[in-house]
PDB file of N, CA and C in Angstrom:
ATOM      1  N   MET A   1      98.445  77.194 149.834  1.00  0.00           N
ATOM      2  CA  MET A   1      99.261  76.058 150.296  1.00  0.00           C
ATOM      3  C   MET A   1      98.386  74.933 150.700  1.00  0.00           C
ATOM      4  N   PHE A   2      97.275  75.139 151.321  1.00  0.00           N
ATOM      5  CA  PHE A   2      96.407  74.063 151.753  1.00  0.00           C
ATOM      6  C   PHE A   2      95.792  73.375 150.553  1.00  0.00           C
ATOM      7  N   THR A   3      95.417  74.158 149.580  1.00  0.00           N
ATOM      8  CA  THR A   3      94.808  73.651 148.368  1.00  0.00           C
ATOM      9  C   THR A   3      95.840  72.784 147.585  1.00  0.00           C
ATOM     10  N   ARG A   4      97.098  73.146 147.532  1.00  0.00           N
ATOM     11  CA  ARG A   4      98.066  72.500 146.867  1.00  0.00           C
ATOM     12  C   ARG A   4      98.257  71.042 147.463  1.00  0.00           C
ATOM     13  N   ARG A   5      98.234  70.934 148.797  1.00  0.00           N
ATOM     14  CA  ARG A   5      98.277  69.677 149.514  1.00  0.00           C
ATOM     15  C   ARG A   5      97.108  68.820 149.150  1.00  0.00           C
ATOM     16  N   ILE A   6      95.941  69.427 149.079  1.00  0.00           N
ATOM     17  CA  ILE A   6      94.708  68.638 148.747  1.00  0.00           C
ATOM     18  C   ILE A   6      94.852  68.123 147.382  1.00  0.00           C
ATOM     19  N   TRP A   7      95.359  68.951 146.394  1.00  0.00           N
ATOM     20  CA  TRP A   7      95.492  68.478 145.006  1.00  0.00           C
ATOM     21  C   TRP A   7      96.486  67.328 144.961  1.00  0.00           C
ATOM     22  N   VAL A   8      97.553  67.402 145.679  1.00  0.00           N
ATOM     23  CA  VAL A   8      98.562  66.342 145.683  1.00  0.00           C
ATOM     24  C   VAL A   8      97.964  65.032 146.227  1.00  0.00           C
ATOM     25  N   VAL A   9      97.201  65.187 147.314  1.00  0.00           N
ATOM     26  CA  VAL A   9      96.562  64.000 147.905  1.00  0.00           C
ATOM     27  C   VAL A   9      95.537  63.425 146.934  1.00  0.00           C
ATOM     28  N   VAL A  10      94.781  64.212 146.307  1.00  0.00           N
ATOM     29  CA  VAL A  10      93.715  63.823 145.333  1.00  0.00           C
ATOM     30  C   VAL A  10      94.444  63.087 144.205  1.00  0.00           C
ATOM     31  N   ALA A  11      95.512  63.703 143.696  1.00  0.00           N
ATOM     32  CA  ALA A  11      96.195  63.124 142.574  1.00  0.00           C
ATOM     33  C   ALA A  11      96.810  61.797 142.895  1.00  0.00           C
ATOM     34  N   VAL A  12      97.426  61.617 144.019  1.00  0.00           N
ATOM     35  CA  VAL A  12      97.979  60.333 144.466  1.00  0.00           C
ATOM     36  C   VAL A  12      96.917  59.282 144.611  1.00  0.00           C
ATOM     37  N   ALA A  13      95.839  59.696 145.232  1.00  0.00           N
ATOM     38  CA  ALA A  13      94.687  58.753 145.454  1.00  0.00           C
ATOM     39  C   ALA A  13      94.130  58.300 144.086  1.00  0.00           C
ATOM     40  N   GLY A  14      94.015  59.264 143.170  1.00  0.00           N
ATOM     41  CA  GLY A  14      93.528  58.947 141.864  1.00  0.00           C
ATOM     42  C   GLY A  14      94.435  57.996 141.119  1.00  0.00           C
ATOM     43  N   LEU A  15      95.746  58.200 141.193  1.00  0.00           N
ATOM     44  CA  LEU A  15      96.645  57.273 140.517  1.00  0.00           C
ATOM     45  C   LEU A  15      96.597  55.865 141.171  1.00  0.00           C
ATOM     46  N   VAL A  16      96.430  55.871 142.484  1.00  0.00           N
ATOM     47  CA  VAL A  16      96.298  54.534 143.163  1.00  0.00           C
ATOM     48  C   VAL A  16      95.054  53.841 142.689  1.00  0.00           C
ATOM     49  N   LEU A  17      93.969  54.520 142.668  1.00  0.00           N
ATOM     50  CA  LEU A  17      92.666  53.945 142.169  1.00  0.00           C
ATOM     51  C   LEU A  17      92.725  53.486 140.673  1.00  0.00           C
ATOM     52  N   VAL A  18      93.392  54.294 139.912  1.00  0.00           N
ATOM     53  CA  VAL A  18      93.509  53.928 138.509  1.00  0.00           C
ATOM     54  C   VAL A  18      94.407  52.641 138.439  1.00  0.00           C
ATOM     55  N   GLY A  19      95.431  52.581 139.164  1.00  0.00           N
ATOM     56  CA  GLY A  19      96.315  51.451 139.108  1.00  0.00           C
ATOM     57  C   GLY A  19      95.618  50.153 139.604  1.00  0.00           C
ATOM     58  N   LEU A  20      94.718  50.339 140.654  1.00  0.00           N
ATOM     59  CA  LEU A  20      94.001  49.191 141.116  1.00  0.00           C
ATOM     60  C   LEU A  20      92.931  48.686 140.220  1.00  0.00           C
ATOM     61  N   THR A  21      92.312  49.607 139.492  1.00  0.00           N
ATOM     62  CA  THR A  21      91.237  49.207 138.582  1.00  0.00           C
ATOM     63  C   THR A  21      91.739  48.600 137.304  1.00  0.00           C
ATOM     64  N   ILE A  22      92.862  49.072 136.861  1.00  0.00           N
ATOM     65  CA  ILE A  22      93.474  48.574 135.568  1.00  0.00           C
ATOM     66  C   ILE A  22      94.235  47.304 135.921  1.00  0.00           C
ATOM     67  N   GLY A  23      94.985  47.319 136.921  1.00  0.00           N
ATOM     68  CA  GLY A  23      95.746  46.101 137.225  1.00  0.00           C
ATOM     69  C   GLY A  23      96.849  45.883 136.335  1.00  0.00           C
ATOM     70  N   CYS A  24      97.453  44.706 136.275  1.00  0.00           N
ATOM     71  CA  CYS A  24      98.649  44.439 135.491  1.00  0.00           C
ATOM     72  C   CYS A  24      98.234  43.778 134.062  1.00  0.00           C
ATOM     73  N   GLY A  25      96.946  43.525 133.890  1.00  0.00           N
ATOM     74  CA  GLY A  25      96.574  42.906 132.606  1.00  0.00           C
ATOM     75  C   GLY A  25      96.520  41.464 132.692  1.00  0.00           C
ATOM     76  N   PRO A  26      96.118  40.800 131.588  1.00  0.00           N
ATOM     77  CA  PRO A  26      95.956  39.363 131.694  1.00  0.00           C
ATOM     78  C   PRO A  26      97.352  38.666 131.682  1.00  0.00           C
ATOM     79  N   LYS A  27      97.418  37.435 132.183  1.00  0.00           N
ATOM     80  CA  LYS A  27      98.696  36.669 132.177  1.00  0.00           C
ATOM     81  C   LYS A  27      99.017  36.225 130.747  1.00  0.00           C
ATOM     82  N   PRO A  28     100.254  36.287 130.412  1.00  0.00           N
ATOM     83  CA  PRO A  28     100.616  35.720 129.085  1.00  0.00           C
ATOM     84  C   PRO A  28     100.604  34.225 129.164  1.00  0.00           C
ATOM     85  N   PRO A  29     100.392  33.528 128.013  1.00  0.00           N
ATOM     86  CA  PRO A  29     100.342  32.081 127.996  1.00  0.00           C
ATOM     87  C   PRO A  29     101.685  31.534 128.417  1.00  0.00           C
ATOM     88  N   CYS A  30     101.688  30.376 129.046  1.00  0.00           N
ATOM     89  CA  CYS A  30     102.946  29.753 129.505  1.00  0.00           C
ATOM     90  C   CYS A  30     103.625  29.152 128.279  1.00  0.00           C
ATOM     91  N   PRO A  31     104.940  29.441 128.065  1.00  0.00           N
ATOM     92  CA  PRO A  31     105.672  29.002 126.965  1.00  0.00           C
ATOM     93  C   PRO A  31     106.104  27.520 127.128  1.00  0.00           C
ATOM     94  N   VAL A  32     105.983  26.887 128.208  1.00  0.00           N
ATOM     95  CA  VAL A  32     106.327  25.478 128.450  1.00  0.00           C
ATOM     96  C   VAL A  32     105.210  24.554 128.194  1.00  0.00           C
ATOM     97  N   ALA A  33     105.478  23.466 127.510  1.00  0.00           N
ATOM     98  CA  ALA A  33     104.489  22.513 127.141  1.00  0.00           C
ATOM     99  C   ALA A  33     104.106  21.730 128.431  1.00  0.00           C
ATOM    100  N   PRO A  34     102.842  21.270 128.524  1.00  0.00           N
ATOM    101  CA  PRO A  34     102.376  20.482 129.688  1.00  0.00           C
ATOM    102  C   PRO A  34     103.206  19.204 129.849  1.00  0.00           C
ATOM    103  N   GLU A  35     103.650  18.547 128.796  1.00  0.00           N
ATOM    104  CA  GLU A  35     104.453  17.358 128.877  1.00  0.00           C
ATOM    105  C   GLU A  35     105.763  17.616 129.662  1.00  0.00           C
ATOM    106  N   VAL A  36     106.336  18.736 129.367  1.00  0.00           N
ATOM    107  CA  VAL A  36     107.635  19.170 129.960  1.00  0.00           C
ATOM    108  C   VAL A  36     107.355  19.423 131.467  1.00  0.00           C
ATOM    109  N   VAL A  37     106.275  20.012 131.820  1.00  0.00           N
ATOM    110  CA  VAL A  37     105.925  20.239 133.230  1.00  0.00           C
ATOM    111  C   VAL A  37     105.721  18.975 133.964  1.00  0.00           C
ATOM    112  N   LYS A  38     104.993  18.027 133.359  1.00  0.00           N
ATOM    113  CA  LYS A  38     104.771  16.758 134.011  1.00  0.00           C
ATOM    114  C   LYS A  38     106.144  15.962 134.144  1.00  0.00           C
ATOM    115  N   GLN A  39     106.947  16.038 133.115  1.00  0.00           N
ATOM    116  CA  GLN A  39     108.228  15.306 133.276  1.00  0.00           C
ATOM    117  C   GLN A  39     109.102  15.971 134.391  1.00  0.00           C
ATOM    118  N   SER A  40     109.075  17.238 134.433  1.00  0.00           N
ATOM    119  CA  SER A  40     109.836  17.910 135.519  1.00  0.00           C
ATOM    120  C   SER A  40     109.280  17.589 136.875  1.00  0.00           C
ATOM    121  N   GLN A  41     108.005  17.464 137.017  1.00  0.00           N
ATOM    122  CA  GLN A  41     107.341  17.057 138.319  1.00  0.00           C
ATOM    123  C   GLN A  41     107.761  15.718 138.645  1.00  0.00           C
ATOM    124  N   ALA A  42     107.844  14.820 137.713  1.00  0.00           N
ATOM    125  CA  ALA A  42     108.232  13.384 137.954  1.00  0.00           C
ATOM    126  C   ALA A  42     109.671  13.362 138.419  1.00  0.00           C
ATOM    127  N   GLU A  43     110.518  14.075 137.739  1.00  0.00           N
ATOM    128  CA  GLU A  43     111.965  14.117 138.143  1.00  0.00           C
ATOM    129  C   GLU A  43     112.083  14.716 139.534  1.00  0.00           C
ATOM    130  N   THR A  44     111.345  15.746 139.860  1.00  0.00           N
ATOM    131  CA  THR A  44     111.360  16.339 141.193  1.00  0.00           C
ATOM    132  C   THR A  44     110.927  15.380 142.230  1.00  0.00           C
ATOM    133  N   ALA A  45     109.872  14.574 141.975  1.00  0.00           N
ATOM    134  CA  ALA A  45     109.453  13.532 142.935  1.00  0.00           C
ATOM    135  C   ALA A  45     110.552  12.545 143.141  1.00  0.00           C
ATOM    136  N   LYS A  46     111.306  12.116 142.042  1.00  0.00           N
ATOM    137  CA  LYS A  46     112.389  11.171 142.255  1.00  0.00           C
ATOM    138  C   LYS A  46     113.458  11.774 143.112  1.00  0.00           C
ATOM    139  N   VAL A  47     113.838  13.021 142.830  1.00  0.00           N
ATOM    140  CA  VAL A  47     114.847  13.632 143.593  1.00  0.00           C
ATOM    141  C   VAL A  47     114.490  13.833 145.031  1.00  0.00           C
ATOM    142  N   GLU A  48     113.209  14.163 145.370  1.00  0.00           N
ATOM    143  CA  GLU A  48     112.777  14.265 146.701  1.00  0.00           C
ATOM    144  C   GLU A  48     112.791  12.919 147.380  1.00  0.00           C
ATOM    145  N   SER A  49     112.420  11.825 146.705  1.00  0.00           N
ATOM    146  CA  SER A  49     112.550  10.481 147.280  1.00  0.00           C
ATOM    147  C   SER A  49     113.993  10.180 147.630  1.00  0.00           C
ATOM    148  N   ASP A  50     114.868  10.408 146.678  1.00  0.00           N
ATOM    149  CA  ASP A  50     116.339  10.181 146.953  1.00  0.00           C
ATOM    150  C   ASP A  50     116.890  11.015 148.098  1.00  0.00           C
ATOM    151  N   LEU A  51     116.354  12.228 148.223  1.00  0.00           N
ATOM    152  CA  LEU A  51     116.735  13.062 149.368  1.00  0.00           C
ATOM    153  C   LEU A  51     116.247  12.490 150.682  1.00  0.00           C
ATOM    154  N   ALA A  52     115.087  11.930 150.647  1.00  0.00           N
ATOM    155  CA  ALA A  52     114.503  11.370 151.945  1.00  0.00           C
ATOM    156  C   ALA A  52     115.346  10.143 152.345  1.00  0.00           C
ATOM    157  N   GLU A  53     115.735   9.328 151.366  1.00  0.00           N
ATOM    158  CA  GLU A  53     116.538   8.140 151.626  1.00  0.00           C
ATOM    159  C   GLU A  53     117.939   8.568 152.094  1.00  0.00           C
ATOM    160  N   ALA A  54     118.504   9.586 151.490  1.00  0.00           N
ATOM    161  CA  ALA A  54     119.806  10.069 151.918  1.00  0.00           C
ATOM    162  C   ALA A  54     119.756  10.635 153.354  1.00  0.00           C
ATOM    163  N   THR A  55     118.715  11.336 153.674  1.00  0.00           N
ATOM    164  CA  THR A  55     118.527  11.917 154.994  1.00  0.00           C
ATOM    165  C   THR A  55     118.471  10.794 156.039  1.00  0.00           C
ATOM    166  N   ALA A  56     117.654   9.787 155.709  1.00  0.00           N
ATOM    167  CA  ALA A  56     117.566   8.644 156.709  1.00  0.00           C
ATOM    168  C   ALA A  56     118.927   7.929 156.827  1.00  0.00           C
ATOM    169  N   GLU A  57     119.642   7.782 155.775  1.00  0.00           N
ATOM    170  CA  GLU A  57     121.007   7.158 155.825  1.00  0.00           C
ATOM    171  C   GLU A  57     121.936   8.011 156.658  1.00  0.00           C
ATOM    172  N   ARG A  58     121.852   9.331 156.486  1.00  0.00           N
ATOM    173  CA  ARG A  58     122.697  10.259 157.223  1.00  0.00           C
ATOM    174  C   ARG A  58     122.420  10.134 158.687  1.00  0.00           C
ATOM    175  N   GLN A  59     121.187  10.091 158.998  1.00  0.00           N
ATOM    176  CA  GLN A  59     120.771   9.985 160.485  1.00  0.00           C
ATOM    177  C   GLN A  59     121.304   8.726 161.051  1.00  0.00           C
ATOM    178  N   ARG A  60     121.192   7.605 160.280  1.00  0.00           N
ATOM    179  CA  ARG A  60     121.629   6.355 160.790  1.00  0.00           C
ATOM    180  C   ARG A  60     123.186   6.397 160.969  1.00  0.00           C
ATOM    181  N   LEU A  61     123.913   6.999 160.037  1.00  0.00           N
ATOM    182  CA  LEU A  61     125.327   7.047 160.157  1.00  0.00           C
ATOM    183  C   LEU A  61     125.781   8.034 161.315  1.00  0.00           C
ATOM    184  N   GLU A  62     125.014   9.084 161.492  1.00  0.00           N
ATOM    185  CA  GLU A  62     125.319  10.048 162.559  1.00  0.00           C
ATOM    186  C   GLU A  62     125.182   9.300 163.954  1.00  0.00           C
ATOM    187  N   LYS A  63     124.167   8.480 164.030  1.00  0.00           N
ATOM    188  CA  LYS A  63     123.948   7.805 165.245  1.00  0.00           C
ATOM    189  C   LYS A  63     125.028   6.738 165.499  1.00  0.00           C
ATOM    190  N   GLU A  64     125.471   6.034 164.403  1.00  0.00           N
ATOM    191  CA  GLU A  64     126.495   5.020 164.503  1.00  0.00           C
ATOM    192  C   GLU A  64     127.804   5.711 164.865  1.00  0.00           C
ATOM    193  N   LEU A  65     128.075   6.924 164.354  1.00  0.00           N
ATOM    194  CA  LEU A  65     129.249   7.712 164.661  1.00  0.00           C
ATOM    195  C   LEU A  65     129.303   8.114 166.108  1.00  0.00           C
ATOM    196  N   SER A  66     128.166   8.553 166.618  1.00  0.00           N
ATOM    197  CA  SER A  66     128.167   8.989 168.005  1.00  0.00           C
ATOM    198  C   SER A  66     128.355   7.791 168.959  1.00  0.00           C
ATOM    199  N   GLU A  67     127.831   6.585 168.616  1.00  0.00           N
ATOM    200  CA  GLU A  67     128.058   5.401 169.430  1.00  0.00           C
ATOM    201  C   GLU A  67     129.522   5.089 169.404  1.00  0.00           C
ATOM    202  N   LYS A  68     130.159   5.088 168.218  1.00  0.00           N
ATOM    203  CA  LYS A  68     131.554   4.729 168.164  1.00  0.00           C
ATOM    204  C   LYS A  68     132.490   5.777 168.822  1.00  0.00           C
ATOM    205  N   GLN A  69     132.039   7.043 168.765  1.00  0.00           N
ATOM    206  CA  GLN A  69     132.814   8.054 169.501  1.00  0.00           C
ATOM    207  C   GLN A  69     132.700   7.798 171.005  1.00  0.00           C
ATOM    208  N   ALA A  70     131.545   7.480 171.467  1.00  0.00           N
ATOM    209  CA  ALA A  70     131.360   7.188 172.932  1.00  0.00           C
ATOM    210  C   ALA A  70     132.216   5.993 173.318  1.00  0.00           C
ATOM    211  N   ARG A  71     132.197   4.944 172.513  1.00  0.00           N
ATOM    212  CA  ARG A  71     132.967   3.740 172.801  1.00  0.00           C
ATOM    213  C   ARG A  71     134.532   4.190 172.803  1.00  0.00           C
ATOM    214  N   LEU A  72     134.916   4.990 171.852  1.00  0.00           N
ATOM    215  CA  LEU A  72     136.303   5.336 171.803  1.00  0.00           C
ATOM    216  C   LEU A  72     136.757   6.191 172.971  1.00  0.00           C
ATOM    217  N   SER A  73     135.937   7.066 173.423  1.00  0.00           N
ATOM    218  CA  SER A  73     136.253   7.913 174.605  1.00  0.00           C
ATOM    219  C   SER A  73     136.259   7.036 175.858  1.00  0.00           C
ATOM    220  N   GLU A  74     135.457   5.978 175.878  1.00  0.00           N
ATOM    221  CA  GLU A  74     135.431   5.043 176.975  1.00  0.00           C
ATOM    222  C   GLU A  74     136.750   4.281 177.000  1.00  0.00           C
ATOM    223  N   LEU A  75     137.189   3.819 175.835  1.00  0.00           N
ATOM    224  CA  LEU A  75     138.396   3.015 175.793  1.00  0.00           C
ATOM    225  C   LEU A  75     139.674   3.842 175.933  1.00  0.00           C
ATOM    226  N   ARG A  76     139.623   5.176 175.679  1.00  0.00           N
ATOM    227  CA  ARG A  76     140.809   6.009 175.797  1.00  0.00           C
ATOM    228  C   ARG A  76     141.330   6.084 177.252  1.00  0.00           C
ATOM    229  N   GLY A  77     140.425   5.931 178.146  1.00  0.00           N
ATOM    230  CA  GLY A  77     140.824   5.990 179.569  1.00  0.00           C
ATOM    231  C   GLY A  77     141.421   4.719 180.089  1.00  0.00           C
ATOM    232  N   LYS A  78     141.524   3.679 179.232  1.00  0.00           N
ATOM    233  CA  LYS A  78     141.935   2.352 179.784  1.00  0.00           C
ATOM    234  C   LYS A  78     143.074   1.793 178.872  1.00  0.00           C
ATOM    235  N   PRO A  79     144.201   2.505 178.708  1.00  0.00           N
ATOM    236  CA  PRO A  79     145.202   1.996 177.786  1.00  0.00           C
ATOM    237  C   PRO A  79     145.986   0.695 178.402  1.00  0.00           C
ATOM    238  N   ASP A  80     146.167   0.686 179.680  1.00  0.00           N
ATOM    239  CA  ASP A  80     146.816  -0.488 180.318  1.00  0.00           C
ATOM    240  C   ASP A  80     145.981  -1.767 180.138  1.00  0.00           C
ATOM    241  N   GLU A  81     144.659  -1.630 180.433  1.00  0.00           N
ATOM    242  CA  GLU A  81     143.745  -2.774 180.267  1.00  0.00           C
ATOM    243  C   GLU A  81     143.731  -3.217 178.844  1.00  0.00           C
ATOM    244  N   LEU A  82     143.715  -2.317 177.846  1.00  0.00           N
ATOM    245  CA  LEU A  82     143.757  -2.749 176.464  1.00  0.00           C
ATOM    246  C   LEU A  82     145.005  -3.404 176.078  1.00  0.00           C
ATOM    247  N   LYS A  83     146.095  -2.941 176.622  1.00  0.00           N
ATOM    248  CA  LYS A  83     147.470  -3.586 176.348  1.00  0.00           C
ATOM    249  C   LYS A  83     147.392  -5.032 176.794  1.00  0.00           C
ATOM    250  N   LYS A  84     146.866  -5.265 177.997  1.00  0.00           N
ATOM    251  CA  LYS A  84     146.754  -6.614 178.563  1.00  0.00           C
ATOM    252  C   LYS A  84     145.899  -7.531 177.666  1.00  0.00           C
ATOM    253  N   LYS A  85     144.778  -6.952 177.166  1.00  0.00           N
ATOM    254  CA  LYS A  85     143.947  -7.809 176.361  1.00  0.00           C
ATOM    255  C   LYS A  85     144.619  -8.041 175.031  1.00  0.00           C
ATOM    256  N   LEU A  86     145.384  -7.121 174.511  1.00  0.00           N
ATOM    257  CA  LEU A  86     146.110  -7.374 173.245  1.00  0.00           C
ATOM    258  C   LEU A  86     147.153  -8.477 173.500  1.00  0.00           C
ATOM    259  N   GLU A  87     147.856  -8.397 174.553  1.00  0.00           N
ATOM    260  CA  GLU A  87     148.894  -9.422 174.800  1.00  0.00           C
ATOM    261  C   GLU A  87     148.151 -10.806 174.918  1.00  0.00           C
ATOM    262  N   ALA A  88     147.121 -10.824 175.595  1.00  0.00           N
ATOM    263  CA  ALA A  88     146.339 -12.103 175.763  1.00  0.00           C
ATOM    264  C   ALA A  88     145.878 -12.669 174.403  1.00  0.00           C
ATOM    265  N   LEU A  89     145.444 -11.796 173.541  1.00  0.00           N
ATOM    266  CA  LEU A  89     145.067 -12.234 172.176  1.00  0.00           C
ATOM    267  C   LEU A  89     146.237 -12.631 171.374  1.00  0.00           C
ATOM    268  N   LYS A  90     147.392 -12.043 171.516  1.00  0.00           N
ATOM    269  CA  LYS A  90     148.527 -12.458 170.781  1.00  0.00           C
ATOM    270  C   LYS A  90     149.007 -13.798 171.212  1.00  0.00           C
ATOM    271  N   ARG A  91     148.962 -14.105 172.589  1.00  0.00           N
ATOM    272  CA  ARG A  91     149.374 -15.371 173.100  1.00  0.00           C
ATOM    273  C   ARG A  91     148.376 -16.430 172.600  1.00  0.00           C
ATOM    274  N   GLY A  92     147.124 -16.119 172.518  1.00  0.00           N
ATOM    275  CA  GLY A  92     146.183 -17.106 172.121  1.00  0.00           C
ATOM    276  C   GLY A  92     146.278 -17.350 170.624  1.00  0.00           C
ATOM    277  N   SER A  93     146.809 -16.524 169.775  1.00  0.00           N
ATOM    278  CA  SER A  93     146.903 -16.811 168.318  1.00  0.00           C
ATOM    279  C   SER A  93     148.153 -17.502 167.992  1.00  0.00           C
ATOM    280  N   GLY A  94     149.079 -17.697 168.914  1.00  0.00           N
ATOM    281  CA  GLY A  94     150.289 -18.432 168.682  1.00  0.00           C
ATOM    282  C   GLY A  94     151.510 -17.529 168.246  1.00  0.00           C
ATOM    283  N   ARG A  95     151.377 -16.320 168.479  1.00  0.00           N
ATOM    284  CA  ARG A  95     152.519 -15.359 168.136  1.00  0.00           C
ATOM    285  C   ARG A  95     153.534 -15.292 169.209  1.00  0.00           C
TER     286      ARG A  95
END
């Protein structure tokens, strides 16, 4: 029983060592031409640049939205005051 365990351990260790020494073999050559790789890298750089611009625009718009929402919540509490301002504007425009 004990010798059987030893043989199993030795066999597993041997297979691991053989796998490590042989490895997976050499890498196959890349089927994509270098020009295609360079072109893809250029396109990727353009897309990343567009993404950075879009992210900056989004942040600007989110800031503007939060400012307008704050102004809206401020004005929601003053309907009577706003009606008075509206009436004054209507009188001033000749209506």
